[in-house]
Protein backbone atom coordinates (compact mmCIF):
# COMPACT_ATOMS: atom_id res chain seq x y z
CA UNK A 1 119.82 93.26 117.12
CA UNK A 2 119.18 89.56 116.96
CA UNK A 3 115.77 87.88 116.72
CA UNK A 4 114.77 85.65 119.58
CA UNK A 5 112.63 82.63 120.34
CA UNK A 6 111.00 82.13 123.68
CA UNK A 7 109.33 79.29 125.56
CA UNK A 8 106.01 80.20 127.15
CA UNK A 9 105.45 77.05 129.17
CA UNK A 10 106.20 78.73 132.51
CA UNK A 11 104.87 81.83 134.29
CA UNK A 12 101.42 81.21 132.87
CA UNK A 13 99.91 84.10 134.80
CA UNK A 14 102.15 86.60 133.06
CA UNK A 15 101.16 88.18 129.77
CA UNK A 16 102.87 86.45 126.83
CA UNK A 17 104.10 89.74 125.38
CA UNK A 18 105.64 90.71 128.73
CA UNK A 19 107.50 87.40 128.77
CA UNK A 20 108.62 87.88 125.16
CA UNK A 21 109.87 91.43 125.81
CA UNK A 22 111.89 90.45 128.87
CA UNK A 23 113.39 87.44 127.08
CA UNK A 24 114.13 89.59 124.03
CA UNK A 25 116.00 92.18 126.07
CA UNK A 26 117.98 89.64 128.07
CA UNK A 27 118.93 87.55 125.03
CA UNK A 28 120.32 90.70 123.38
CA UNK A 29 122.15 91.57 126.61
CA UNK A 30 120.43 94.92 126.95
CA UNK A 31 119.49 96.86 130.04
CA UNK A 32 116.01 98.33 130.20
CA UNK A 33 117.57 101.72 129.56
CA UNK A 34 119.38 100.45 126.44
CA UNK A 35 116.21 98.83 125.07
CA UNK A 36 114.32 102.04 125.73
CA UNK A 37 116.92 104.06 123.84
CA UNK A 38 116.92 101.62 120.92
CA UNK A 39 113.15 101.80 120.55
CA UNK A 40 113.14 105.60 120.74
CA UNK A 41 115.80 105.78 118.03
CA UNK A 42 114.05 103.40 115.63
CA UNK A 43 110.37 104.31 115.87
CA UNK A 44 108.40 107.50 116.44
CA UNK A 45 105.85 105.43 118.39
CA UNK A 46 108.33 105.40 121.29
CA UNK A 47 109.52 109.03 121.22
CA UNK A 48 108.62 109.56 124.91
CA UNK A 49 109.29 106.02 126.18
CA UNK A 50 111.06 105.73 129.55
CA UNK A 51 112.59 102.87 131.51
CA UNK A 52 109.77 102.91 134.06
CA UNK A 53 107.31 102.06 131.29
CA UNK A 54 109.56 99.27 129.97
CA UNK A 55 109.75 97.83 133.49
CA UNK A 56 105.95 97.95 133.83
CA UNK A 57 105.57 96.19 130.47
CA UNK A 58 107.93 93.39 131.50
CA UNK A 59 106.09 92.90 134.79
CA UNK A 60 102.65 92.88 133.11
CA UNK A 61 101.61 95.90 135.16
CA UNK A 62 100.34 97.26 131.88
CA UNK A 63 100.80 96.20 128.29
CA UNK A 64 101.58 98.37 125.24
CA UNK A 65 98.99 98.73 122.49
CA UNK A 66 99.01 96.13 119.73
CA UNK A 67 100.41 98.80 117.38
CA UNK A 68 103.43 99.23 119.66
CA UNK A 69 103.76 95.48 120.18
CA UNK A 70 103.75 94.95 116.41
CA UNK A 71 106.40 97.63 115.97
CA UNK A 72 108.68 96.09 118.60
CA UNK A 73 108.51 92.55 117.23
CA UNK A 74 109.02 93.81 113.66
CA UNK A 75 112.19 95.65 114.72
CA UNK A 76 113.45 92.28 115.95
CA UNK A 77 112.35 90.33 112.87
CA UNK A 78 109.52 88.54 114.59
CA UNK A 79 105.71 88.37 114.35
CA UNK A 80 102.97 88.89 116.92
CA UNK A 81 101.34 85.70 115.70
CA UNK A 82 104.31 83.66 116.91
CA UNK A 83 103.82 85.15 120.37
CA UNK A 84 100.05 85.01 120.77
CA UNK A 85 99.69 81.45 119.49
CA UNK A 86 101.09 80.48 122.91
CA UNK A 87 98.42 82.38 124.85
CA UNK A 88 95.57 80.02 125.91
CA UNK A 89 93.17 82.89 126.61
CA UNK A 90 93.85 84.47 123.23
CA UNK A 91 93.36 81.11 121.48
CA UNK A 92 90.03 80.76 123.27
CA UNK A 93 88.98 84.09 121.75
CA UNK A 94 90.15 82.84 118.34
CA UNK A 95 88.08 79.69 118.74
CA UNK A 96 84.95 81.72 119.51
CA UNK A 97 85.29 83.55 116.20
CA UNK A 98 85.09 80.42 114.05
CA UNK A 99 83.47 77.64 116.08
CA UNK A 100 80.05 76.52 114.88
CA UNK A 101 77.54 78.21 117.25
CA UNK A 102 74.84 76.37 119.15
CA UNK A 103 71.41 76.24 117.56
CA UNK A 104 69.97 79.05 119.69
CA UNK A 105 72.50 81.50 118.23
CA UNK A 106 72.50 80.12 114.72
CA UNK A 107 71.77 82.61 111.94
CA UNK A 108 72.45 81.80 108.30
CA UNK A 109 72.05 83.62 104.99
CA UNK A 110 72.00 80.25 103.19
CA UNK A 111 68.47 78.82 102.67
CA UNK A 112 69.50 75.19 103.26
CA UNK A 113 72.45 75.41 105.65
CA UNK A 114 71.35 74.17 109.07
CA UNK A 115 74.39 74.48 111.29
CA UNK A 116 76.12 71.36 109.93
CA UNK A 117 79.83 70.70 110.12
CA UNK A 118 81.79 71.73 107.08
CA UNK A 119 85.28 71.59 105.66
CA UNK A 120 87.32 74.05 103.64
CA UNK A 121 88.83 73.03 100.33
CA UNK A 122 91.55 74.77 98.37
CA UNK A 123 90.87 74.71 94.63
CA UNK A 124 93.52 75.42 92.02
CA UNK A 125 93.44 75.60 88.24
CA UNK A 126 94.00 71.83 87.97
CA UNK A 127 90.73 71.11 89.75
CA UNK A 128 87.77 70.23 87.53
CA UNK A 129 85.54 72.71 89.39
CA UNK A 130 87.96 75.65 89.17
CA UNK A 131 86.31 77.53 86.29
CA UNK A 132 82.78 76.90 87.60
CA UNK A 133 83.74 78.22 91.04
CA UNK A 134 85.55 81.21 89.56
CA UNK A 135 82.51 82.20 87.48
CA UNK A 136 80.23 81.78 90.50
CA UNK A 137 82.41 83.97 92.70
CA UNK A 138 82.78 86.72 90.09
CA UNK A 139 79.01 86.72 89.60
CA UNK A 140 78.47 86.88 93.37
CA UNK A 141 80.83 89.81 93.88
CA UNK A 142 79.43 91.71 90.88
CA UNK A 143 82.52 93.90 90.78
CA UNK A 144 82.92 95.52 87.33
CA UNK A 145 86.72 95.50 87.62
CA UNK A 146 86.72 91.71 88.06
CA UNK A 147 85.23 90.87 84.69
CA UNK A 148 87.31 88.33 82.76
CA UNK A 149 87.03 87.96 79.02
CA UNK A 150 85.97 84.53 77.80
CA UNK A 151 87.14 81.87 77.29
CA UNK A 152 88.74 81.73 80.73
CA UNK A 153 90.98 78.80 79.77
CA UNK A 154 93.06 81.15 77.62
CA UNK A 155 94.34 83.09 80.62
CA UNK A 156 97.67 81.62 81.72
CA UNK A 157 97.70 83.87 84.77
CA UNK A 158 94.64 82.19 86.27
CA UNK A 159 96.99 79.69 87.88
CA UNK A 160 97.89 82.47 90.33
CA UNK A 161 94.29 82.90 91.50
CA UNK A 162 93.52 81.11 94.76
CA UNK A 163 90.04 79.84 95.62
CA UNK A 164 88.95 78.50 99.01
CA UNK A 165 85.51 76.91 99.34
CA UNK A 166 83.55 75.82 102.42
CA UNK A 167 81.49 72.68 101.76
CA UNK A 168 78.76 71.44 104.09
CA UNK A 169 76.40 68.44 103.89
CA UNK A 170 75.62 67.26 100.33
CA UNK A 171 78.41 69.52 99.01
CA UNK A 172 76.47 72.69 99.77
CA UNK A 173 78.77 75.67 99.18
CA UNK A 174 78.41 77.89 102.24
CA UNK A 175 81.50 80.06 101.90
CA UNK A 176 84.23 81.13 99.51
CA UNK A 177 87.31 83.31 99.15
CA UNK A 178 89.13 84.50 96.04
CA UNK A 179 92.54 86.17 96.14
CA UNK A 180 95.77 86.56 94.24
CA UNK A 181 99.35 87.25 95.31
CA UNK A 182 100.80 89.91 93.08
CA UNK A 183 102.70 93.21 92.91
CA UNK A 184 101.66 96.21 95.01
CA UNK A 185 102.01 98.30 91.85
CA UNK A 186 99.41 96.18 90.03
CA UNK A 187 97.09 96.37 93.03
CA UNK A 188 97.26 100.16 93.16
CA UNK A 189 96.52 100.32 89.44
CA UNK A 190 93.42 98.17 89.94
CA UNK A 191 92.27 100.21 92.91
CA UNK A 192 92.70 103.46 90.98
CA UNK A 193 90.81 102.13 87.93
CA UNK A 194 93.92 102.04 85.77
CA UNK A 195 93.62 98.31 85.16
CA UNK A 196 91.32 95.35 85.78
CA UNK A 197 91.60 91.68 86.70
CA UNK A 198 92.32 90.81 83.07
CA UNK A 199 95.58 92.75 83.25
CA UNK A 200 96.58 91.45 86.67
CA UNK A 201 96.24 87.78 85.71
CA UNK A 202 98.17 88.30 82.47
CA UNK A 203 101.05 90.21 84.07
CA UNK A 204 103.41 88.25 86.28
CA UNK A 205 105.31 90.24 88.93
CA UNK A 206 108.96 90.76 88.00
CA UNK A 207 109.93 89.96 91.58
CA UNK A 208 108.37 87.90 94.34
CA UNK A 209 104.79 89.11 94.94
CA UNK A 210 104.58 91.52 97.86
CA UNK A 211 100.80 91.93 98.14
CA UNK A 212 97.82 89.68 98.73
CA UNK A 213 94.76 91.05 96.94
CA UNK A 214 91.45 89.69 98.26
CA UNK A 215 88.73 90.00 95.63
CA UNK A 216 85.85 88.21 97.34
CA UNK A 217 85.22 86.68 100.76
CA UNK A 218 81.87 85.43 102.08
CA UNK A 219 80.17 82.91 104.35
CA UNK A 220 76.65 81.77 105.19
CA UNK A 221 77.22 82.72 108.85
CA UNK A 222 79.62 85.14 110.48
CA UNK A 223 81.58 82.15 111.81
CA UNK A 224 81.92 80.63 108.33
CA UNK A 225 82.95 84.03 107.01
CA UNK A 226 85.57 84.31 109.77
CA UNK A 227 86.86 80.83 108.93
CA UNK A 228 87.27 81.77 105.28
CA UNK A 229 89.16 84.93 106.26
CA UNK A 230 91.37 82.95 108.60
CA UNK A 231 92.53 80.62 105.80
CA UNK A 232 94.06 83.38 103.70
CA UNK A 233 95.12 85.75 106.49
CA UNK A 234 97.08 82.94 108.16
CA UNK A 235 98.68 82.22 104.79
CA UNK A 236 99.52 85.91 104.44
CA UNK A 237 101.41 86.14 107.73
CA UNK A 238 103.35 82.97 106.94
CA UNK A 239 104.52 84.29 103.56
CA UNK A 240 107.32 86.65 104.61
CA UNK A 241 107.60 88.19 101.14
CA UNK A 242 104.05 89.57 101.43
CA UNK A 243 104.11 93.08 102.88
CA UNK A 244 100.59 94.31 102.15
CA UNK A 245 97.07 92.93 102.39
CA UNK A 246 94.42 94.58 100.24
CA UNK A 247 90.68 93.95 100.17
CA UNK A 248 88.98 95.27 97.02
CA UNK A 249 85.31 94.34 97.35
CA UNK A 250 81.80 95.63 96.78
CA UNK A 251 79.78 93.17 98.88
CA UNK A 252 78.03 95.44 101.41
CA UNK A 253 77.92 92.81 104.16
CA UNK A 254 81.66 92.20 104.00
CA UNK A 255 82.39 95.94 103.88
CA UNK A 256 80.34 96.40 107.06
CA UNK A 257 82.32 93.57 108.66
CA UNK A 258 85.62 95.30 107.89
CA UNK A 259 84.25 98.62 109.15
CA UNK A 260 83.12 96.90 112.37
CA UNK A 261 86.71 95.67 112.76
CA UNK A 262 87.77 99.36 112.74
CA UNK A 263 89.14 99.28 109.21
CA UNK A 264 88.55 102.28 106.97
CA UNK A 265 88.59 102.11 103.19
CA UNK A 266 91.46 104.10 101.75
CA UNK A 267 89.71 104.25 98.38
CA UNK A 268 86.05 104.11 97.38
CA UNK A 269 85.25 104.29 93.68
CA UNK A 270 81.90 104.14 91.99
CA UNK A 271 81.39 102.36 88.70
CA UNK A 272 78.29 102.43 86.55
CA UNK A 273 77.09 98.90 85.82
CA UNK A 274 74.15 98.77 83.42
CA UNK A 275 71.26 100.35 85.33
CA UNK A 276 72.95 100.68 88.74
CA UNK A 277 75.99 102.18 90.40
CA UNK A 278 78.43 99.88 92.20
CA UNK A 279 80.76 101.15 94.95
CA UNK A 280 84.05 99.28 95.20
CA UNK A 281 85.76 99.67 98.58
CA UNK A 282 89.50 99.05 98.90
CA UNK A 283 91.23 98.51 102.24
CA UNK A 284 95.04 98.44 102.32
CA UNK A 285 97.06 97.27 105.33
CA UNK A 286 100.74 96.73 105.98
CA UNK A 287 101.85 93.68 107.98
CA UNK A 288 102.27 95.76 111.14
CA UNK A 289 98.81 97.34 110.67
CA UNK A 290 97.27 93.89 110.33
CA UNK A 291 99.02 92.73 113.51
CA UNK A 292 97.81 95.85 115.33
CA UNK A 293 94.17 94.97 114.61
CA UNK A 294 92.94 92.56 117.28
CA UNK A 295 90.25 90.98 115.09
CA UNK A 296 92.63 90.28 112.20
CA UNK A 297 95.38 89.13 114.58
CA UNK A 298 93.02 86.51 116.02
CA UNK A 299 92.27 85.20 112.53
CA UNK A 300 95.97 85.27 111.60
CA UNK A 301 96.95 83.18 114.62
CA UNK A 302 94.68 80.27 113.63
CA UNK A 303 96.71 77.65 111.78
CA UNK A 304 94.99 75.26 109.32
CA UNK A 305 95.20 72.44 111.89
CA UNK A 306 93.76 74.62 114.65
CA UNK A 307 90.94 75.69 112.35
CA UNK A 308 89.96 72.06 111.83
CA UNK A 309 90.02 71.51 115.60
CA UNK A 310 87.96 74.65 116.27
CA UNK A 311 85.36 73.66 113.65
CA UNK A 312 84.84 70.41 115.54
CA UNK A 313 83.96 72.33 118.71
CA UNK A 314 80.24 73.07 118.58
CA UNK A 315 78.15 75.37 120.69
CA UNK A 316 80.91 77.46 122.31
CA UNK A 317 80.17 80.66 120.40
């Protein structure tokens, strides 16, 4: 089966997935019956699929779940993000997630952030503020498995750590994200307390990294937090070698956010830290599982340029 590209400039009233599916079938010279048979043979999600349902999907009478949509596009070497970035209504929903809210709805956890515009900066190991930001983030997360032995400059693997920072007026830091692209094997070892961040940053994957491991993600408002998530989730979907996204965090607010997005931790481990017990929650998703989650799909669709545009739209949230 061959992948397909589709123009969405016409038939604006029709659902973008319906248009994609019809174009996909026709470009592969398949009847609805043949497409139905192909899907039944290649995925258990379609074990009882019939041609009537395929016809209804193509006519936008009803639309398959995001899980089924993700499965179909993956079978044809495509991504849901490439489809939904052409849907104006979906992009409007994306904008609402990250746009700076009007003052009446403004709620911040930062004592000095007053709804100002902000920008997001990517910091790497060559930046003068890299080590300061890294220490700040590790202290914020307070995750025992993320302790790095000093001096930090001796770790060659730190070049693989990615830091994103949201800066508002007077360089106030109102959001951050810390992640690393590594091997799924190393991630599972960390999650199961068989290793720590020290080992991950000193071991380079033998092959291309297949997993993005998010170690901290936060924002002064829910919109800033969503913006930070968008920066790395969009990167994830655009790196075809990455097959898994893992959050390994202990910040209670962020854990509640993931739970609210209908994500369940696949591993919760408790670690004794001095006089208190810390619970580290790990969430592991495949690419298709990420695409099947509407909240994460909205964040994934937002490109860096669109994010800048959305951040300049105030008061829509």
